[in-house]
Amino acid sequence: MCLSIPSKVVEISEDKTLCKVDTMGVQREANLMMMGDDEVQVGDYVLLHIGFVMNKIDEAEALKSIETYKEILEVMDEEERRQAILDDENCENRGLDGA
């Protein structure tokens, strides 16, 4: 299962096609090609799917979601956390059809 955890934009490339996001302390690159020009700014919270920024979300809602994810992680055992991370990493490698 793929979960879209709110991620904070920390850097945008000069050509505005890529950005670096922080997802609960993990930084990764994301593609901005699905968004309009200047629609995403450093400091915005966004949702990703298969490595693409799909939309911006309100900061207050993003922070509430992140707190919920942290609560979920606290009750998971180590194996469940490991599997959730693996599932999330594998999700980015799938196509839009989920294959």
PDB file of N, CA and C in Angstrom:
ATOM      1  N   MET A   1       0.839  -1.168   0.000  1.00  0.00           N
ATOM      2  CA  MET A   1       0.000   0.000   0.000  1.00  0.00           C
ATOM      3  C   MET A   1       0.883   1.229   0.000  1.00  0.00           C
ATOM      4  N   CYS A   2       0.503   2.228  -0.766  1.00  0.00           N
ATOM      5  CA  CYS A   2       1.245   3.480  -0.839  1.00  0.00           C
ATOM      6  C   CYS A   2       0.530   4.539  -0.021  1.00  0.00           C
ATOM      7  N   LEU A   3       1.250   5.138   0.900  1.00  0.00           N
ATOM      8  CA  LEU A   3       0.700   6.233   1.688  1.00  0.00           C
ATOM      9  C   LEU A   3       1.387   7.513   1.269  1.00  0.00           C
ATOM     10  N   SER A   4       0.640   8.547   1.104  1.00  0.00           N
ATOM     11  CA  SER A   4       1.210   9.837   0.735  1.00  0.00           C
ATOM     12  C   SER A   4       1.327  10.678   1.992  1.00  0.00           C
ATOM     13  N   ILE A   5       2.512  10.712   2.539  1.00  0.00           N
ATOM     14  CA  ILE A   5       2.775  11.478   3.755  1.00  0.00           C
ATOM     15  C   ILE A   5       3.132  12.901   3.347  1.00  0.00           C
ATOM     16  N   PRO A   6       2.540  13.905   3.969  1.00  0.00           N
ATOM     17  CA  PRO A   6       2.883  15.281   3.621  1.00  0.00           C
ATOM     18  C   PRO A   6       4.388  15.513   3.719  1.00  0.00           C
ATOM     19  N   SER A   7       4.912  16.209   2.725  1.00  0.00           N
ATOM     20  CA  SER A   7       6.343  16.490   2.656  1.00  0.00           C
ATOM     21  C   SER A   7       6.533  17.987   2.479  1.00  0.00           C
ATOM     22  N   LYS A   8       7.552  18.524   3.142  1.00  0.00           N
ATOM     23  CA  LYS A   8       7.833  19.959   3.054  1.00  0.00           C
ATOM     24  C   LYS A   8       8.887  20.213   1.982  1.00  0.00           C
ATOM     25  N   VAL A   9       8.610  21.144   1.093  1.00  0.00           N
ATOM     26  CA  VAL A   9       9.553  21.506   0.036  1.00  0.00           C
ATOM     27  C   VAL A   9      10.681  22.315   0.662  1.00  0.00           C
ATOM     28  N   VAL A  10      11.924  21.832   0.489  1.00  0.00           N
ATOM     29  CA  VAL A  10      13.071  22.521   1.086  1.00  0.00           C
ATOM     30  C   VAL A  10      13.985  23.141   0.035  1.00  0.00           C
ATOM     31  N   GLU A  11      13.785  22.772  -1.230  1.00  0.00           N
ATOM     32  CA  GLU A  11      14.634  23.308  -2.299  1.00  0.00           C
ATOM     33  C   GLU A  11      13.921  23.102  -3.635  1.00  0.00           C
ATOM     34  N   ILE A  12      14.086  24.050  -4.554  1.00  0.00           N
ATOM     35  CA  ILE A  12      13.519  23.935  -5.901  1.00  0.00           C
ATOM     36  C   ILE A  12      14.642  24.192  -6.895  1.00  0.00           C
ATOM     37  N   SER A  13      14.723  23.343  -7.934  1.00  0.00           N
ATOM     38  CA  SER A  13      15.775  23.501  -8.948  1.00  0.00           C
ATOM     39  C   SER A  13      15.567  24.803  -9.722  1.00  0.00           C
ATOM     40  N   GLU A  14      16.652  25.294 -10.330  1.00  0.00           N
ATOM     41  CA  GLU A  14      16.589  26.547 -11.089  1.00  0.00           C
ATOM     42  C   GLU A  14      15.555  26.491 -12.197  1.00  0.00           C
ATOM     43  N   ASP A  15      15.449  25.332 -12.863  1.00  0.00           N
ATOM     44  CA  ASP A  15      14.479  25.218 -13.963  1.00  0.00           C
ATOM     45  C   ASP A  15      13.075  24.857 -13.471  1.00  0.00           C
ATOM     46  N   LYS A  16      12.911  24.727 -12.173  1.00  0.00           N
ATOM     47  CA  LYS A  16      11.617  24.473 -11.511  1.00  0.00           C
ATOM     48  C   LYS A  16      10.945  23.177 -11.952  1.00  0.00           C
ATOM     49  N   THR A  17      11.753  22.190 -12.352  1.00  0.00           N
ATOM     50  CA  THR A  17      11.196  20.885 -12.724  1.00  0.00           C
ATOM     51  C   THR A  17      11.338  19.865 -11.600  1.00  0.00           C
ATOM     52  N   LEU A  18      12.246  20.122 -10.666  1.00  0.00           N
ATOM     53  CA  LEU A  18      12.487  19.213  -9.546  1.00  0.00           C
ATOM     54  C   LEU A  18      12.522  19.992  -8.246  1.00  0.00           C
ATOM     55  N   CYS A  19      12.252  19.285  -7.181  1.00  0.00           N
ATOM     56  CA  CYS A  19      12.409  19.890  -5.866  1.00  0.00           C
ATOM     57  C   CYS A  19      12.947  18.827  -4.920  1.00  0.00           C
ATOM     58  N   LYS A  20      13.436  19.284  -3.791  1.00  0.00           N
ATOM     59  CA  LYS A  20      13.834  18.380  -2.712  1.00  0.00           C
ATOM     60  C   LYS A  20      12.803  18.576  -1.611  1.00  0.00           C
ATOM     61  N   VAL A  21      12.297  17.450  -1.122  1.00  0.00           N
ATOM     62  CA  VAL A  21      11.294  17.497  -0.059  1.00  0.00           C
ATOM     63  C   VAL A  21      11.808  16.757   1.165  1.00  0.00           C
ATOM     64  N   ASP A  22      11.284  17.136   2.306  1.00  0.00           N
ATOM     65  CA  ASP A  22      11.591  16.482   3.572  1.00  0.00           C
ATOM     66  C   ASP A  22      10.325  15.799   4.046  1.00  0.00           C
ATOM     67  N   THR A  23      10.414  14.472   4.194  1.00  0.00           N
ATOM     68  CA  THR A  23       9.287  13.673   4.663  1.00  0.00           C
ATOM     69  C   THR A  23       9.658  13.069   5.999  1.00  0.00           C
ATOM     70  N   MET A  24       9.235  13.701   7.066  1.00  0.00           N
ATOM     71  CA  MET A  24       9.521  13.225   8.419  1.00  0.00           C
ATOM     72  C   MET A  24      11.008  12.943   8.620  1.00  0.00           C
ATOM     73  N   GLY A  25      11.856  13.861   8.145  1.00  0.00           N
ATOM     74  CA  GLY A  25      13.291  13.749   8.334  1.00  0.00           C
ATOM     75  C   GLY A  25      14.049  13.074   7.212  1.00  0.00           C
ATOM     76  N   VAL A  26      13.350  12.515   6.244  1.00  0.00           N
ATOM     77  CA  VAL A  26      13.993  11.873   5.092  1.00  0.00           C
ATOM     78  C   VAL A  26      13.847  12.802   3.898  1.00  0.00           C
ATOM     79  N   GLN A  27      14.985  13.148   3.283  1.00  0.00           N
ATOM     80  CA  GLN A  27      14.931  14.030   2.122  1.00  0.00           C
ATOM     81  C   GLN A  27      15.092  13.233   0.842  1.00  0.00           C
ATOM     82  N   ARG A  28      14.329  13.652  -0.178  1.00  0.00           N
ATOM     83  CA  ARG A  28      14.396  13.006  -1.493  1.00  0.00           C
ATOM     84  C   ARG A  28      13.982  14.007  -2.553  1.00  0.00           C
ATOM     85  N   GLU A  29      14.339  13.690  -3.799  1.00  0.00           N
ATOM     86  CA  GLU A  29      13.930  14.536  -4.913  1.00  0.00           C
ATOM     87  C   GLU A  29      12.540  14.149  -5.379  1.00  0.00           C
ATOM     88  N   ALA A  30      11.816  15.142  -5.873  1.00  0.00           N
ATOM     89  CA  ALA A  30      10.489  14.916  -6.435  1.00  0.00           C
ATOM     90  C   ALA A  30      10.349  15.757  -7.693  1.00  0.00           C
ATOM     91  N   ASN A  31       9.552  15.265  -8.624  1.00  0.00           N
ATOM     92  CA  ASN A  31       9.332  15.934  -9.898  1.00  0.00           C
ATOM     93  C   ASN A  31       8.174  16.914  -9.769  1.00  0.00           C
ATOM     94  N   LEU A  32       8.351  18.116 -10.327  1.00  0.00           N
ATOM     95  CA  LEU A  32       7.321  19.156 -10.258  1.00  0.00           C
ATOM     96  C   LEU A  32       6.534  19.310 -11.562  1.00  0.00           C
ATOM     97  N   MET A  33       6.749  18.435 -12.535  1.00  0.00           N
ATOM     98  CA  MET A  33       6.160  18.606 -13.854  1.00  0.00           C
ATOM     99  C   MET A  33       4.627  18.506 -13.872  1.00  0.00           C
ATOM    100  N   MET A  34       4.011  17.965 -12.830  1.00  0.00           N
ATOM    101  CA  MET A  34       2.550  17.876 -12.771  1.00  0.00           C
ATOM    102  C   MET A  34       1.923  19.154 -12.201  1.00  0.00           C
ATOM    103  N   MET A  35       2.754  20.082 -11.763  1.00  0.00           N
ATOM    104  CA  MET A  35       2.272  21.319 -11.152  1.00  0.00           C
ATOM    105  C   MET A  35       2.509  22.487 -12.104  1.00  0.00           C
ATOM    106  N   GLY A  36       1.735  23.547 -11.935  1.00  0.00           N
ATOM    107  CA  GLY A  36       1.916  24.746 -12.744  1.00  0.00           C
ATOM    108  C   GLY A  36       3.149  25.523 -12.315  1.00  0.00           C
ATOM    109  N   ASP A  37       3.644  26.373 -13.200  1.00  0.00           N
ATOM    110  CA  ASP A  37       4.802  27.214 -12.896  1.00  0.00           C
ATOM    111  C   ASP A  37       4.533  28.061 -11.659  1.00  0.00           C
ATOM    112  N   ASP A  38       5.503  28.123 -10.784  1.00  0.00           N
ATOM    113  CA  ASP A  38       5.456  28.928  -9.562  1.00  0.00           C
ATOM    114  C   ASP A  38       4.312  28.544  -8.622  1.00  0.00           C
ATOM    115  N   GLU A  39       3.705  27.386  -8.831  1.00  0.00           N
ATOM    116  CA  GLU A  39       2.614  26.949  -7.958  1.00  0.00           C
ATOM    117  C   GLU A  39       3.150  26.439  -6.619  1.00  0.00           C
ATOM    118  N   VAL A  40       4.367  25.895  -6.625  1.00  0.00           N
ATOM    119  CA  VAL A  40       4.974  25.339  -5.416  1.00  0.00           C
ATOM    120  C   VAL A  40       6.186  26.188  -5.049  1.00  0.00           C
ATOM    121  N   GLN A  41       6.254  26.569  -3.773  1.00  0.00           N
ATOM    122  CA  GLN A  41       7.352  27.381  -3.263  1.00  0.00           C
ATOM    123  C   GLN A  41       8.053  26.638  -2.131  1.00  0.00           C
ATOM    124  N   VAL A  42       9.302  27.009  -1.860  1.00  0.00           N
ATOM    125  CA  VAL A  42      10.015  26.469  -0.704  1.00  0.00           C
ATOM    126  C   VAL A  42       9.184  26.782   0.542  1.00  0.00           C
ATOM    127  N   GLY A  43       9.005  25.773   1.383  1.00  0.00           N
ATOM    128  CA  GLY A  43       8.220  25.920   2.598  1.00  0.00           C
ATOM    129  C   GLY A  43       6.811  25.358   2.477  1.00  0.00           C
ATOM    130  N   ASP A  44       6.343  25.129   1.238  1.00  0.00           N
ATOM    131  CA  ASP A  44       5.017  24.543   1.033  1.00  0.00           C
ATOM    132  C   ASP A  44       5.024  23.069   1.418  1.00  0.00           C
ATOM    133  N   TYR A  45       3.860  22.578   1.815  1.00  0.00           N
ATOM    134  CA  TYR A  45       3.672  21.143   2.037  1.00  0.00           C
ATOM    135  C   TYR A  45       2.959  20.562   0.830  1.00  0.00           C
ATOM    136  N   VAL A  46       3.447  19.395   0.388  1.00  0.00           N
ATOM    137  CA  VAL A  46       2.906  18.762  -0.812  1.00  0.00           C
ATOM    138  C   VAL A  46       2.673  17.274  -0.558  1.00  0.00           C
ATOM    139  N   LEU A  47       1.891  16.657  -1.452  1.00  0.00           N
ATOM    140  CA  LEU A  47       1.712  15.214  -1.456  1.00  0.00           C
ATOM    141  C   LEU A  47       2.357  14.664  -2.714  1.00  0.00           C
ATOM    142  N   LEU A  48       3.046  13.529  -2.573  1.00  0.00           N
ATOM    143  CA  LEU A  48       3.756  12.896  -3.685  1.00  0.00           C
ATOM    144  C   LEU A  48       3.084  11.582  -4.055  1.00  0.00           C
ATOM    145  N   HIS A  49       3.213  11.241  -5.329  1.00  0.00           N
ATOM    146  CA  HIS A  49       2.820   9.911  -5.792  1.00  0.00           C
ATOM    147  C   HIS A  49       3.803   9.505  -6.862  1.00  0.00           C
ATOM    148  N   ILE A  50       4.405   8.344  -6.704  1.00  0.00           N
ATOM    149  CA  ILE A  50       5.438   7.783  -7.589  1.00  0.00           C
ATOM    150  C   ILE A  50       6.492   8.819  -7.981  1.00  0.00           C
ATOM    151  N   GLY A  51       6.883   9.649  -6.996  1.00  0.00           N
ATOM    152  CA  GLY A  51       7.957  10.609  -7.210  1.00  0.00           C
ATOM    153  C   GLY A  51       7.539  11.939  -7.784  1.00  0.00           C
ATOM    154  N   PHE A  52       6.237  12.152  -8.017  1.00  0.00           N
ATOM    155  CA  PHE A  52       5.737  13.414  -8.555  1.00  0.00           C
ATOM    156  C   PHE A  52       4.963  14.168  -7.483  1.00  0.00           C
ATOM    157  N   VAL A  53       5.160  15.492  -7.431  1.00  0.00           N
ATOM    158  CA  VAL A  53       4.330  16.327  -6.583  1.00  0.00           C
ATOM    159  C   VAL A  53       2.966  16.406  -7.267  1.00  0.00           C
ATOM    160  N   MET A  54       1.930  15.973  -6.550  1.00  0.00           N
ATOM    161  CA  MET A  54       0.588  15.953  -7.137  1.00  0.00           C
ATOM    162  C   MET A  54      -0.244  17.165  -6.725  1.00  0.00           C
ATOM    163  N   ASN A  55      -0.044  17.659  -5.504  1.00  0.00           N
ATOM    164  CA  ASN A  55      -0.772  18.844  -5.078  1.00  0.00           C
ATOM    165  C   ASN A  55      -0.173  19.411  -3.799  1.00  0.00           C
ATOM    166  N   LYS A  56      -0.475  20.693  -3.569  1.00  0.00           N
ATOM    167  CA  LYS A  56      -0.100  21.356  -2.322  1.00  0.00           C
ATOM    168  C   LYS A  56      -1.201  21.109  -1.315  1.00  0.00           C
ATOM    169  N   ILE A  57      -0.809  21.130  -0.036  1.00  0.00           N
ATOM    170  CA  ILE A  57      -1.815  21.026   1.011  1.00  0.00           C
ATOM    171  C   ILE A  57      -1.549  22.093   2.068  1.00  0.00           C
ATOM    172  N   ASP A  58      -2.591  22.403   2.801  1.00  0.00           N
ATOM    173  CA  ASP A  58      -2.534  23.390   3.861  1.00  0.00           C
ATOM    174  C   ASP A  58      -1.543  22.941   4.944  1.00  0.00           C
ATOM    175  N   GLU A  59      -0.745  23.862   5.445  1.00  0.00           N
ATOM    176  CA  GLU A  59       0.268  23.525   6.449  1.00  0.00           C
ATOM    177  C   GLU A  59      -0.347  22.933   7.711  1.00  0.00           C
ATOM    178  N   ALA A  60      -1.444  23.496   8.182  1.00  0.00           N
ATOM    179  CA  ALA A  60      -2.071  22.973   9.414  1.00  0.00           C
ATOM    180  C   ALA A  60      -2.532  21.534   9.207  1.00  0.00           C
ATOM    181  N   GLU A  61      -3.136  21.240   8.059  1.00  0.00           N
ATOM    182  CA  GLU A  61      -3.576  19.875   7.760  1.00  0.00           C
ATOM    183  C   GLU A  61      -2.376  18.942   7.614  1.00  0.00           C
ATOM    184  N   ALA A  62      -1.310  19.433   6.988  1.00  0.00           N
ATOM    185  CA  ALA A  62      -0.098  18.621   6.831  1.00  0.00           C
ATOM    186  C   ALA A  62       0.477  18.243   8.186  1.00  0.00           C
ATOM    187  N   LEU A  63       0.567  19.205   9.085  1.00  0.00           N
ATOM    188  CA  LEU A  63       1.134  18.938  10.411  1.00  0.00           C
ATOM    189  C   LEU A  63       0.261  17.974  11.207  1.00  0.00           C
ATOM    190  N   LYS A  64      -1.071  18.076  11.067  1.00  0.00           N
ATOM    191  CA  LYS A  64      -1.965  17.121  11.736  1.00  0.00           C
ATOM    192  C   LYS A  64      -1.736  15.715  11.197  1.00  0.00           C
ATOM    193  N   SER A  65      -1.606  15.603   9.876  1.00  0.00           N
ATOM    194  CA  SER A  65      -1.369  14.288   9.263  1.00  0.00           C
ATOM    195  C   SER A  65      -0.051  13.690   9.723  1.00  0.00           C
ATOM    196  N   ILE A  66       0.981  14.513   9.783  1.00  0.00           N
ATOM    197  CA  ILE A  66       2.295  14.026  10.219  1.00  0.00           C
ATOM    198  C   ILE A  66       2.214  13.519  11.659  1.00  0.00           C
ATOM    199  N   GLU A  67       1.509  14.235  12.532  1.00  0.00           N
ATOM    200  CA  GLU A  67       1.349  13.775  13.919  1.00  0.00           C
ATOM    201  C   GLU A  67       0.624  12.434  13.966  1.00  0.00           C
ATOM    202  N   THR A  68      -0.371  12.261  13.120  1.00  0.00           N
ATOM    203  CA  THR A  68      -1.093  10.989  13.061  1.00  0.00           C
ATOM    204  C   THR A  68      -0.161   9.866  12.628  1.00  0.00           C
ATOM    205  N   TYR A  69       0.654  10.108  11.594  1.00  0.00           N
ATOM    206  CA  TYR A  69       1.612   9.093  11.153  1.00  0.00           C
ATOM    207  C   TYR A  69       2.585   8.736  12.259  1.00  0.00           C
ATOM    208  N   LYS A  70       3.043   9.736  13.016  1.00  0.00           N
ATOM    209  CA  LYS A  70       3.964   9.469  14.127  1.00  0.00           C
ATOM    210  C   LYS A  70       3.303   8.583  15.184  1.00  0.00           C
ATOM    211  N   GLU A  71       2.021   8.841  15.473  1.00  0.00           N
ATOM    212  CA  GLU A  71       1.295   8.011  16.439  1.00  0.00           C
ATOM    213  C   GLU A  71       1.186   6.569  15.940  1.00  0.00           C
ATOM    214  N   ILE A  72       0.921   6.406  14.663  1.00  0.00           N
ATOM    215  CA  ILE A  72       0.840   5.063  14.072  1.00  0.00           C
ATOM    216  C   ILE A  72       2.180   4.353  14.200  1.00  0.00           C
ATOM    217  N   LEU A  73       3.261   5.058  13.882  1.00  0.00           N
ATOM    218  CA  LEU A  73       4.597   4.453  13.953  1.00  0.00           C
ATOM    219  C   LEU A  73       4.941   4.018  15.379  1.00  0.00           C
ATOM    220  N   GLU A  74       4.486   4.777  16.360  1.00  0.00           N
ATOM    221  CA  GLU A  74       4.783   4.445  17.755  1.00  0.00           C
ATOM    222  C   GLU A  74       4.189   3.111  18.179  1.00  0.00           C
ATOM    223  N   VAL A  75       3.051   2.722  17.626  1.00  0.00           N
ATOM    224  CA  VAL A  75       2.412   1.477  18.041  1.00  0.00           C
ATOM    225  C   VAL A  75       2.818   0.287  17.171  1.00  0.00           C
ATOM    226  N   MET A  76       3.544   0.541  16.090  1.00  0.00           N
ATOM    227  CA  MET A  76       4.000  -0.554  15.228  1.00  0.00           C
ATOM    228  C   MET A  76       5.244  -1.197  15.818  1.00  0.00           C
ATOM    229  N   ASP A  77       5.387  -2.501  15.637  1.00  0.00           N
ATOM    230  CA  ASP A  77       6.633  -3.127  16.056  1.00  0.00           C
ATOM    231  C   ASP A  77       7.684  -2.922  14.961  1.00  0.00           C
ATOM    232  N   GLU A  78       8.922  -3.293  15.258  1.00  0.00           N
ATOM    233  CA  GLU A  78      10.049  -3.036  14.349  1.00  0.00           C
ATOM    234  C   GLU A  78       9.830  -3.652  12.970  1.00  0.00           C
ATOM    235  N   GLU A  79       9.309  -4.854  12.895  1.00  0.00           N
ATOM    236  CA  GLU A  79       9.076  -5.515  11.608  1.00  0.00           C
ATOM    237  C   GLU A  79       8.024  -4.767  10.793  1.00  0.00           C
ATOM    238  N   GLU A  80       6.965  -4.312  11.453  1.00  0.00           N
ATOM    239  CA  GLU A  80       5.927  -3.555  10.753  1.00  0.00           C
ATOM    240  C   GLU A  80       6.482  -2.232  10.208  1.00  0.00           C
ATOM    241  N   ARG A  81       7.318  -1.554  11.001  1.00  0.00           N
ATOM    242  CA  ARG A  81       7.939  -0.302  10.527  1.00  0.00           C
ATOM    243  C   ARG A  81       8.815  -0.562   9.321  1.00  0.00           C
ATOM    244  N   ARG A  82       9.629  -1.617   9.406  1.00  0.00           N
ATOM    245  CA  ARG A  82      10.520  -1.964   8.294  1.00  0.00           C
ATOM    246  C   ARG A  82       9.709  -2.246   7.034  1.00  0.00           C
ATOM    247  N   GLN A  83       8.626  -3.000   7.167  1.00  0.00           N
ATOM    248  CA  GLN A  83       7.799  -3.331   6.014  1.00  0.00           C
ATOM    249  C   GLN A  83       7.117  -2.091   5.439  1.00  0.00           C
ATOM    250  N   ALA A  84       6.671  -1.192   6.298  1.00  0.00           N
ATOM    251  CA  ALA A  84       6.042   0.042   5.830  1.00  0.00           C
ATOM    252  C   ALA A  84       7.023   0.882   5.020  1.00  0.00           C
ATOM    253  N   ILE A  85       8.272   0.940   5.468  1.00  0.00           N
ATOM    254  CA  ILE A  85       9.299   1.682   4.739  1.00  0.00           C
ATOM    255  C   ILE A  85       9.569   1.021   3.395  1.00  0.00           C
ATOM    256  N   LEU A  86       9.692  -0.295   3.386  1.00  0.00           N
ATOM    257  CA  LEU A  86       9.916  -1.017   2.133  1.00  0.00           C
ATOM    258  C   LEU A  86       8.754  -0.809   1.167  1.00  0.00           C
ATOM    259  N   ASP A  87       7.545  -0.894   1.672  1.00  0.00           N
ATOM    260  CA  ASP A  87       6.371  -0.686   0.824  1.00  0.00           C
ATOM    261  C   ASP A  87       6.376   0.709   0.226  1.00  0.00           C
ATOM    262  N   ASP A  88       6.727   1.718   1.026  1.00  0.00           N
ATOM    263  CA  ASP A  88       6.762   3.095   0.550  1.00  0.00           C
ATOM    264  C   ASP A  88       7.835   3.262  -0.515  1.00  0.00           C
ATOM    265  N   GLU A  89       9.022   2.681  -0.290  1.00  0.00           N
ATOM    266  CA  GLU A  89      10.100   2.793  -1.272  1.00  0.00           C
ATOM    267  C   GLU A  89       9.728   2.096  -2.576  1.00  0.00           C
ATOM    268  N   ASN A  90       9.093   0.944  -2.492  1.00  0.00           N
ATOM    269  CA  ASN A  90       8.700   0.208  -3.695  1.00  0.00           C
ATOM    270  C   ASN A  90       7.580   0.901  -4.440  1.00  0.00           C
ATOM    271  N   CYS A  91       6.758   1.653  -3.755  1.00  0.00           N
ATOM    272  CA  CYS A  91       5.646   2.351  -4.385  1.00  0.00           C
ATOM    273  C   CYS A  91       6.151   3.326  -5.436  1.00  0.00           C
ATOM    274  N   GLU A  92       7.240   4.026  -5.153  1.00  0.00           N
ATOM    275  CA  GLU A  92       7.770   4.993  -6.104  1.00  0.00           C
ATOM    276  C   GLU A  92       8.243   4.334  -7.386  1.00  0.00           C
ATOM    277  N   ASN A  93       8.566   3.047  -7.336  1.00  0.00           N
ATOM    278  CA  ASN A  93       9.092   2.365  -8.503  1.00  0.00           C
ATOM    279  C   ASN A  93       7.997   1.796  -9.400  1.00  0.00           C
ATOM    280  N   ARG A  94       6.746   1.905  -8.968  1.00  0.00           N
ATOM    281  CA  ARG A  94       5.651   1.377  -9.770  1.00  0.00           C
ATOM    282  C   ARG A  94       5.173   2.434 -10.758  1.00  0.00           C
ATOM    283  N   GLY A  95       4.548   1.976 -11.806  1.00  0.00           N
ATOM    284  CA  GLY A  95       3.947   2.886 -12.775  1.00  0.00           C
ATOM    285  C   GLY A  95       2.627   3.398 -12.249  1.00  0.00           C
ATOM    286  N   LEU A  96       1.975   4.259 -13.001  1.00  0.00           N
ATOM    287  CA  LEU A  96       0.699   4.829 -12.590  1.00  0.00           C
ATOM    288  C   LEU A  96      -0.376   3.763 -12.444  1.00  0.00           C
ATOM    289  N   ASP A  97      -0.210   2.626 -13.126  1.00  0.00           N
ATOM    290  CA  ASP A  97      -1.215   1.574 -13.031  1.00  0.00           C
ATOM    291  C   ASP A  97      -0.978   0.660 -11.828  1.00  0.00           C
ATOM    292  N   GLY A  98       0.087   0.954 -11.016  1.00  0.00           N
ATOM    293  CA  GLY A  98       0.367   0.180  -9.813  1.00  0.00           C
ATOM    294  C   GLY A  98       1.204  -1.043 -10.063  1.00  0.00           C
ATOM    295  N   ALA A  99       1.567  -1.332 -11.319  1.00  0.00           N
ATOM    296  CA  ALA A  99       2.376  -2.521 -11.635  1.00  0.00           C
ATOM    297  C   ALA A  99       3.842  -2.273 -11.410  1.00  0.00           C
TER     298      ALA A  99
END
